[in-house]
Amino acid sequence: MSLKNTADRWGGISQLLHWTIAVLILAIGVVGLVMGELPRSPKWFWVYTMHKSLGLAVLALVLARLGWRVYAGAPAPVPGTPRWQEKVASATHGAMYLLILALPLSGWLYDSASGLRPFRWFGLAEVPKLSPPNKPLAGFMHEAHELLFWVLIVLVIAHAGAALWHHLVQRDATLARMLPRGWLSPSPREDAP
């Protein structure tokens, strides 16, 4: 497997970053949805700190992914893909990148403005505050953080649905090229000669 992207598929580094970020966002989202219901206890603080630490890890990983994409390029669209689908896919990817950057930043700003004590990223390094305590800003950033999450979920569902549609209906290599070779082959089209 090539580590670098090729003209027809994503390389190993792009695949690793894509799936790692996807799994982390899923885990962070689940934790984010349930942590508000937890009773205030040492476990509550641990869960919140882990949520924040994972969020900043995603921020670092998406920056690495964007840097790698600039360096390694991106595969060409699957042959036969209509131009309008290419444009929609490009806009969706761009919006997801923006949201994946904005979510941890909004959470970080919310944490900073809320006046909570500083937290240590995975217990290793203290995370600096982006703002002094500011209750109105904290409230706004909390609402923004939640809204950005739900918008991202809608786009991720559309993204995954489109990949499955390409695999199951179009029977092209769109999904297979984001997986290691041999994990998933496009099904032959019934109407193919």
C-alpha atoms as a PDB file:
ATOM      1  CA  MET A   1       0.000   0.000   0.000  1.00  0.00           C
ATOM      2  CA  SER A   2       1.289   3.417  -0.914  1.00  0.00           C
ATOM      3  CA  LEU A   3       1.476   5.893   1.933  1.00  0.00           C
ATOM      4  CA  LYS A   4       1.013   8.796  -0.468  1.00  0.00           C
ATOM      5  CA  ASN A   5      -2.208   9.425  -2.386  1.00  0.00           C
ATOM      6  CA  THR A   6      -2.232   8.299  -5.999  1.00  0.00           C
ATOM      7  CA  ALA A   7      -4.282   9.464  -8.952  1.00  0.00           C
ATOM      8  CA  ASP A   8      -6.959   6.825  -8.299  1.00  0.00           C
ATOM      9  CA  ARG A   9      -6.989   6.208  -4.511  1.00  0.00           C
ATOM     10  CA  TRP A  10      -6.214   7.612  -1.083  1.00  0.00           C
ATOM     11  CA  GLY A  11      -2.897   6.501   0.394  1.00  0.00           C
ATOM     12  CA  GLY A  12      -2.325   4.850   3.748  1.00  0.00           C
ATOM     13  CA  ILE A  13      -1.681   8.071   5.670  1.00  0.00           C
ATOM     14  CA  SER A  14      -4.841   9.739   4.361  1.00  0.00           C
ATOM     15  CA  GLN A  15      -6.841   6.601   5.175  1.00  0.00           C
ATOM     16  CA  LEU A  16      -5.393   6.376   8.691  1.00  0.00           C
ATOM     17  CA  LEU A  17      -6.116  10.045   9.402  1.00  0.00           C
ATOM     18  CA  HIS A  18      -9.625   9.832   7.897  1.00  0.00           C
ATOM     19  CA  TRP A  19     -10.717   6.809   9.941  1.00  0.00           C
ATOM     20  CA  THR A  20      -8.954   7.910  13.146  1.00  0.00           C
ATOM     21  CA  ILE A  21     -10.671  11.302  13.007  1.00  0.00           C
ATOM     22  CA  ALA A  22     -14.027   9.643  12.215  1.00  0.00           C
ATOM     23  CA  VAL A  23     -13.779   7.241  15.177  1.00  0.00           C
ATOM     24  CA  LEU A  24     -12.648  10.003  17.528  1.00  0.00           C
ATOM     25  CA  ILE A  25     -15.491  12.299  16.470  1.00  0.00           C
ATOM     26  CA  LEU A  26     -17.966   9.471  17.041  1.00  0.00           C
ATOM     27  CA  ALA A  27     -16.521   8.790  20.511  1.00  0.00           C
ATOM     28  CA  ILE A  28     -16.384  12.481  21.431  1.00  0.00           C
ATOM     29  CA  GLY A  29     -19.958  12.968  20.205  1.00  0.00           C
ATOM     30  CA  VAL A  30     -21.297  10.074  22.274  1.00  0.00           C
ATOM     31  CA  VAL A  31     -19.441  11.287  25.360  1.00  0.00           C
ATOM     32  CA  GLY A  32     -20.620  14.857  24.727  1.00  0.00           C
ATOM     33  CA  LEU A  33     -24.239  13.730  24.552  1.00  0.00           C
ATOM     34  CA  VAL A  34     -24.130  11.818  27.837  1.00  0.00           C
ATOM     35  CA  MET A  35     -21.682  13.786  29.982  1.00  0.00           C
ATOM     36  CA  GLY A  36     -24.236  16.452  30.871  1.00  0.00           C
ATOM     37  CA  GLU A  37     -26.293  13.773  32.609  1.00  0.00           C
ATOM     38  CA  LEU A  38     -23.433  12.530  34.794  1.00  0.00           C
ATOM     39  CA  PRO A  39     -23.496  13.430  38.488  1.00  0.00           C
ATOM     40  CA  ARG A  40     -20.792  15.858  39.632  1.00  0.00           C
ATOM     41  CA  SER A  41     -18.042  13.592  40.885  1.00  0.00           C
ATOM     42  CA  PRO A  42     -14.353  12.928  40.211  1.00  0.00           C
ATOM     43  CA  LYS A  43     -15.511  10.724  37.330  1.00  0.00           C
ATOM     44  CA  TRP A  44     -17.430  13.691  35.867  1.00  0.00           C
ATOM     45  CA  PHE A  45     -14.253  15.809  35.828  1.00  0.00           C
ATOM     46  CA  TRP A  46     -12.325  12.943  34.240  1.00  0.00           C
ATOM     47  CA  VAL A  47     -14.973  12.547  31.488  1.00  0.00           C
ATOM     48  CA  TYR A  48     -15.007  16.292  30.753  1.00  0.00           C
ATOM     49  CA  THR A  49     -11.204  16.413  30.647  1.00  0.00           C
ATOM     50  CA  MET A  50     -11.107  13.413  28.302  1.00  0.00           C
ATOM     51  CA  HIS A  51     -13.749  15.056  26.057  1.00  0.00           C
ATOM     52  CA  LYS A  52     -11.649  18.228  25.872  1.00  0.00           C
ATOM     53  CA  SER A  53      -8.381  16.341  25.349  1.00  0.00           C
ATOM     54  CA  LEU A  54      -9.830  14.235  22.539  1.00  0.00           C
ATOM     55  CA  GLY A  55     -11.315  17.353  20.951  1.00  0.00           C
ATOM     56  CA  LEU A  56      -7.911  19.028  20.844  1.00  0.00           C
ATOM     57  CA  ALA A  57      -6.394  15.801  19.490  1.00  0.00           C
ATOM     58  CA  VAL A  58      -8.932  15.915  16.643  1.00  0.00           C
ATOM     59  CA  LEU A  59      -7.970  19.541  16.001  1.00  0.00           C
ATOM     60  CA  ALA A  60      -4.310  18.510  15.678  1.00  0.00           C
ATOM     61  CA  LEU A  61      -5.169  15.506  13.495  1.00  0.00           C
ATOM     62  CA  VAL A  62      -7.362  17.490  11.105  1.00  0.00           C
ATOM     63  CA  LEU A  63      -4.597  20.083  10.742  1.00  0.00           C
ATOM     64  CA  ALA A  64      -2.203  17.210   9.971  1.00  0.00           C
ATOM     65  CA  ARG A  65      -4.701  15.797   7.475  1.00  0.00           C
ATOM     66  CA  LEU A  66      -5.081  19.135   5.725  1.00  0.00           C
ATOM     67  CA  GLY A  67      -1.297  19.526   5.590  1.00  0.00           C
ATOM     68  CA  TRP A  68      -0.920  16.008   4.220  1.00  0.00           C
ATOM     69  CA  ARG A  69      -3.587  16.674   1.609  1.00  0.00           C
ATOM     70  CA  VAL A  70      -1.736  19.792   0.445  1.00  0.00           C
ATOM     71  CA  TYR A  71       1.484  17.748   0.254  1.00  0.00           C
ATOM     72  CA  ALA A  72       0.102  14.471  -1.144  1.00  0.00           C
ATOM     73  CA  GLY A  73      -2.756  15.815  -3.253  1.00  0.00           C
ATOM     74  CA  ALA A  74      -6.094  14.084  -3.723  1.00  0.00           C
ATOM     75  CA  PRO A  75      -7.187  11.379  -6.141  1.00  0.00           C
ATOM     76  CA  ALA A  76      -9.081  12.404  -9.224  1.00  0.00           C
ATOM     77  CA  PRO A  77     -12.835  11.845  -9.114  1.00  0.00           C
ATOM     78  CA  VAL A  78     -13.959   8.339  -9.984  1.00  0.00           C
ATOM     79  CA  PRO A  79     -14.339   8.130 -13.780  1.00  0.00           C
ATOM     80  CA  GLY A  80     -17.899   8.769 -14.868  1.00  0.00           C
ATOM     81  CA  THR A  81     -18.806  10.920 -11.871  1.00  0.00           C
ATOM     82  CA  PRO A  82     -21.071  13.768 -13.008  1.00  0.00           C
ATOM     83  CA  ARG A  83     -19.622  17.255 -12.558  1.00  0.00           C
ATOM     84  CA  TRP A  84     -22.435  18.303 -10.217  1.00  0.00           C
ATOM     85  CA  GLN A  85     -21.599  15.390  -7.892  1.00  0.00           C
ATOM     86  CA  GLU A  86     -17.946  16.413  -7.874  1.00  0.00           C
ATOM     87  CA  LYS A  87     -18.971  19.952  -6.860  1.00  0.00           C
ATOM     88  CA  VAL A  88     -21.341  18.729  -4.124  1.00  0.00           C
ATOM     89  CA  ALA A  89     -18.695  16.337  -2.783  1.00  0.00           C
ATOM     90  CA  SER A  90     -16.071  19.090  -2.777  1.00  0.00           C
ATOM     91  CA  ALA A  91     -18.391  21.530  -0.975  1.00  0.00           C
ATOM     92  CA  THR A  92     -19.373  18.854   1.560  1.00  0.00           C
ATOM     93  CA  HIS A  93     -15.736  17.972   2.265  1.00  0.00           C
ATOM     94  CA  GLY A  94     -14.864  21.649   2.668  1.00  0.00           C
ATOM     95  CA  ALA A  95     -17.766  22.200   5.059  1.00  0.00           C
ATOM     96  CA  MET A  96     -16.808  19.129   7.095  1.00  0.00           C
ATOM     97  CA  TYR A  97     -13.203  20.321   7.387  1.00  0.00           C
ATOM     98  CA  LEU A  98     -14.401  23.747   8.561  1.00  0.00           C
ATOM     99  CA  LEU A  99     -16.742  22.182  11.110  1.00  0.00           C
ATOM    100  CA  ILE A 100     -14.098  19.762  12.370  1.00  0.00           C
ATOM    101  CA  LEU A 101     -11.816  22.759  12.913  1.00  0.00           C
ATOM    102  CA  ALA A 102     -14.542  24.971  14.407  1.00  0.00           C
ATOM    103  CA  LEU A 103     -15.883  22.389  16.867  1.00  0.00           C
ATOM    104  CA  PRO A 104     -12.761  21.991  19.022  1.00  0.00           C
ATOM    105  CA  LEU A 105     -12.012  25.703  18.770  1.00  0.00           C
ATOM    106  CA  SER A 106     -15.529  26.600  19.951  1.00  0.00           C
ATOM    107  CA  GLY A 107     -15.222  24.078  22.780  1.00  0.00           C
ATOM    108  CA  TRP A 108     -11.833  25.479  23.746  1.00  0.00           C
ATOM    109  CA  LEU A 109     -13.197  29.039  23.726  1.00  0.00           C
ATOM    110  CA  TYR A 110     -16.241  27.904  25.748  1.00  0.00           C
ATOM    111  CA  ASP A 111     -13.964  26.258  28.313  1.00  0.00           C
ATOM    112  CA  SER A 112     -11.775  29.368  28.460  1.00  0.00           C
ATOM    113  CA  ALA A 113     -14.630  31.859  28.827  1.00  0.00           C
ATOM    114  CA  SER A 114     -16.470  29.731  31.398  1.00  0.00           C
ATOM    115  CA  GLY A 115     -13.774  30.444  33.980  1.00  0.00           C
ATOM    116  CA  LEU A 116     -13.182  26.784  34.773  1.00  0.00           C
ATOM    117  CA  ARG A 117      -9.802  25.825  36.114  1.00  0.00           C
ATOM    118  CA  PRO A 118      -7.228  25.072  33.426  1.00  0.00           C
ATOM    119  CA  PHE A 119      -7.122  21.479  32.273  1.00  0.00           C
ATOM    120  CA  ARG A 120      -4.184  19.345  31.258  1.00  0.00           C
ATOM    121  CA  TRP A 121      -4.283  17.762  27.798  1.00  0.00           C
ATOM    122  CA  PHE A 122      -4.307  14.023  28.584  1.00  0.00           C
ATOM    123  CA  GLY A 123      -2.645  15.013  31.865  1.00  0.00           C
ATOM    124  CA  LEU A 124       0.522  16.018  29.995  1.00  0.00           C
ATOM    125  CA  ALA A 125       0.411  19.754  29.397  1.00  0.00           C
ATOM    126  CA  GLU A 126      -1.728  22.601  30.671  1.00  0.00           C
ATOM    127  CA  VAL A 127      -3.940  24.023  27.934  1.00  0.00           C
ATOM    128  CA  PRO A 128      -3.785  27.832  27.769  1.00  0.00           C
ATOM    129  CA  LYS A 129      -6.970  29.867  27.988  1.00  0.00           C
ATOM    130  CA  LEU A 130      -8.120  31.695  24.857  1.00  0.00           C
ATOM    131  CA  SER A 131     -10.213  34.199  26.819  1.00  0.00           C
ATOM    132  CA  PRO A 132     -10.620  35.562  30.317  1.00  0.00           C
ATOM    133  CA  PRO A 133     -13.829  34.518  32.111  1.00  0.00           C
ATOM    134  CA  ASN A 134     -16.806  35.914  30.207  1.00  0.00           C
ATOM    135  CA  LYS A 135     -20.254  34.430  30.959  1.00  0.00           C
ATOM    136  CA  PRO A 136     -22.042  35.813  27.845  1.00  0.00           C
ATOM    137  CA  LEU A 137     -19.246  34.556  25.581  1.00  0.00           C
ATOM    138  CA  ALA A 138     -19.243  31.186  27.370  1.00  0.00           C
ATOM    139  CA  GLY A 139     -23.007  30.834  26.852  1.00  0.00           C
ATOM    140  CA  PHE A 140     -22.746  31.781  23.187  1.00  0.00           C
ATOM    141  CA  MET A 141     -19.839  29.388  22.564  1.00  0.00           C
ATOM    142  CA  HIS A 142     -21.654  26.541  24.338  1.00  0.00           C
ATOM    143  CA  GLU A 143     -24.663  27.016  22.037  1.00  0.00           C
ATOM    144  CA  ALA A 144     -22.394  27.361  18.991  1.00  0.00           C
ATOM    145  CA  HIS A 145     -20.497  24.198  19.974  1.00  0.00           C
ATOM    146  CA  GLU A 146     -23.721  22.184  20.147  1.00  0.00           C
ATOM    147  CA  LEU A 147     -25.093  23.616  16.890  1.00  0.00           C
ATOM    148  CA  LEU A 148     -21.839  22.945  15.035  1.00  0.00           C
ATOM    149  CA  PHE A 149     -21.934  19.351  16.299  1.00  0.00           C
ATOM    150  CA  TRP A 150     -25.439  18.737  14.919  1.00  0.00           C
ATOM    151  CA  VAL A 151     -24.586  20.337  11.569  1.00  0.00           C
ATOM    152  CA  LEU A 152     -21.497  18.116  11.370  1.00  0.00           C
ATOM    153  CA  ILE A 153     -23.604  15.037  12.154  1.00  0.00           C
ATOM    154  CA  VAL A 154     -25.967  15.879   9.273  1.00  0.00           C
ATOM    155  CA  LEU A 155     -23.035  16.293   6.875  1.00  0.00           C
ATOM    156  CA  VAL A 156     -21.336  13.096   8.075  1.00  0.00           C
ATOM    157  CA  ILE A 157     -24.571  11.139   7.538  1.00  0.00           C
ATOM    158  CA  ALA A 158     -24.866  12.619   4.036  1.00  0.00           C
ATOM    159  CA  HIS A 159     -21.182  11.840   3.372  1.00  0.00           C
ATOM    160  CA  ALA A 160     -21.497   8.226   4.549  1.00  0.00           C
ATOM    161  CA  GLY A 161     -24.790   7.824   2.705  1.00  0.00           C
ATOM    162  CA  ALA A 162     -23.218   9.078  -0.525  1.00  0.00           C
ATOM    163  CA  ALA A 163     -20.275   6.675  -0.125  1.00  0.00           C
ATOM    164  CA  LEU A 164     -22.661   3.757   0.424  1.00  0.00           C
ATOM    165  CA  TRP A 165     -24.823   4.860  -2.513  1.00  0.00           C
ATOM    166  CA  HIS A 166     -21.744   4.921  -4.738  1.00  0.00           C
ATOM    167  CA  HIS A 167     -20.763   1.447  -3.549  1.00  0.00           C
ATOM    168  CA  LEU A 168     -24.157  -0.255  -3.518  1.00  0.00           C
ATOM    169  CA  VAL A 169     -26.007   1.527  -6.337  1.00  0.00           C
ATOM    170  CA  GLN A 170     -23.385   3.056  -8.604  1.00  0.00           C
ATOM    171  CA  ARG A 171     -21.005   0.170  -7.870  1.00  0.00           C
ATOM    172  CA  ASP A 172     -17.936   2.311  -8.302  1.00  0.00           C
ATOM    173  CA  ALA A 173     -14.691   2.595  -6.315  1.00  0.00           C
ATOM    174  CA  THR A 174     -15.575   5.718  -4.295  1.00  0.00           C
ATOM    175  CA  LEU A 175     -15.759   3.881  -0.960  1.00  0.00           C
ATOM    176  CA  ALA A 176     -13.159   1.199  -1.727  1.00  0.00           C
ATOM    177  CA  ARG A 177     -10.433   3.738  -2.421  1.00  0.00           C
ATOM    178  CA  MET A 178     -10.641   5.064   1.167  1.00  0.00           C
ATOM    179  CA  LEU A 179      -9.957   1.547   2.489  1.00  0.00           C
ATOM    180  CA  PRO A 180      -6.813  -0.590   2.224  1.00  0.00           C
ATOM    181  CA  ARG A 181      -6.639  -2.535  -1.032  1.00  0.00           C
ATOM    182  CA  GLY A 182      -8.660  -5.720  -0.959  1.00  0.00           C
ATOM    183  CA  TRP A 183     -10.879  -4.766   1.987  1.00  0.00           C
ATOM    184  CA  LEU A 184     -13.747  -3.809  -0.256  1.00  0.00           C
ATOM    185  CA  SER A 185     -14.005  -4.143  -3.976  1.00  0.00           C
ATOM    186  CA  PRO A 186     -16.645  -2.344  -5.977  1.00  0.00           C
ATOM    187  CA  SER A 187     -19.409  -4.719  -6.981  1.00  0.00           C
ATOM    188  CA  PRO A 188     -19.575  -5.270 -10.727  1.00  0.00           C
ATOM    189  CA  ARG A 189     -22.476  -3.444 -12.283  1.00  0.00           C
ATOM    190  CA  GLU A 190     -25.212  -5.695 -13.574  1.00  0.00           C
ATOM    191  CA  ASP A 191     -25.510  -3.594 -16.693  1.00  0.00           C
ATOM    192  CA  ALA A 192     -21.747  -3.810 -17.400  1.00  0.00           C
ATOM    193  CA  PRO A 193     -20.748  -5.922 -20.428  1.00  0.00           C
END
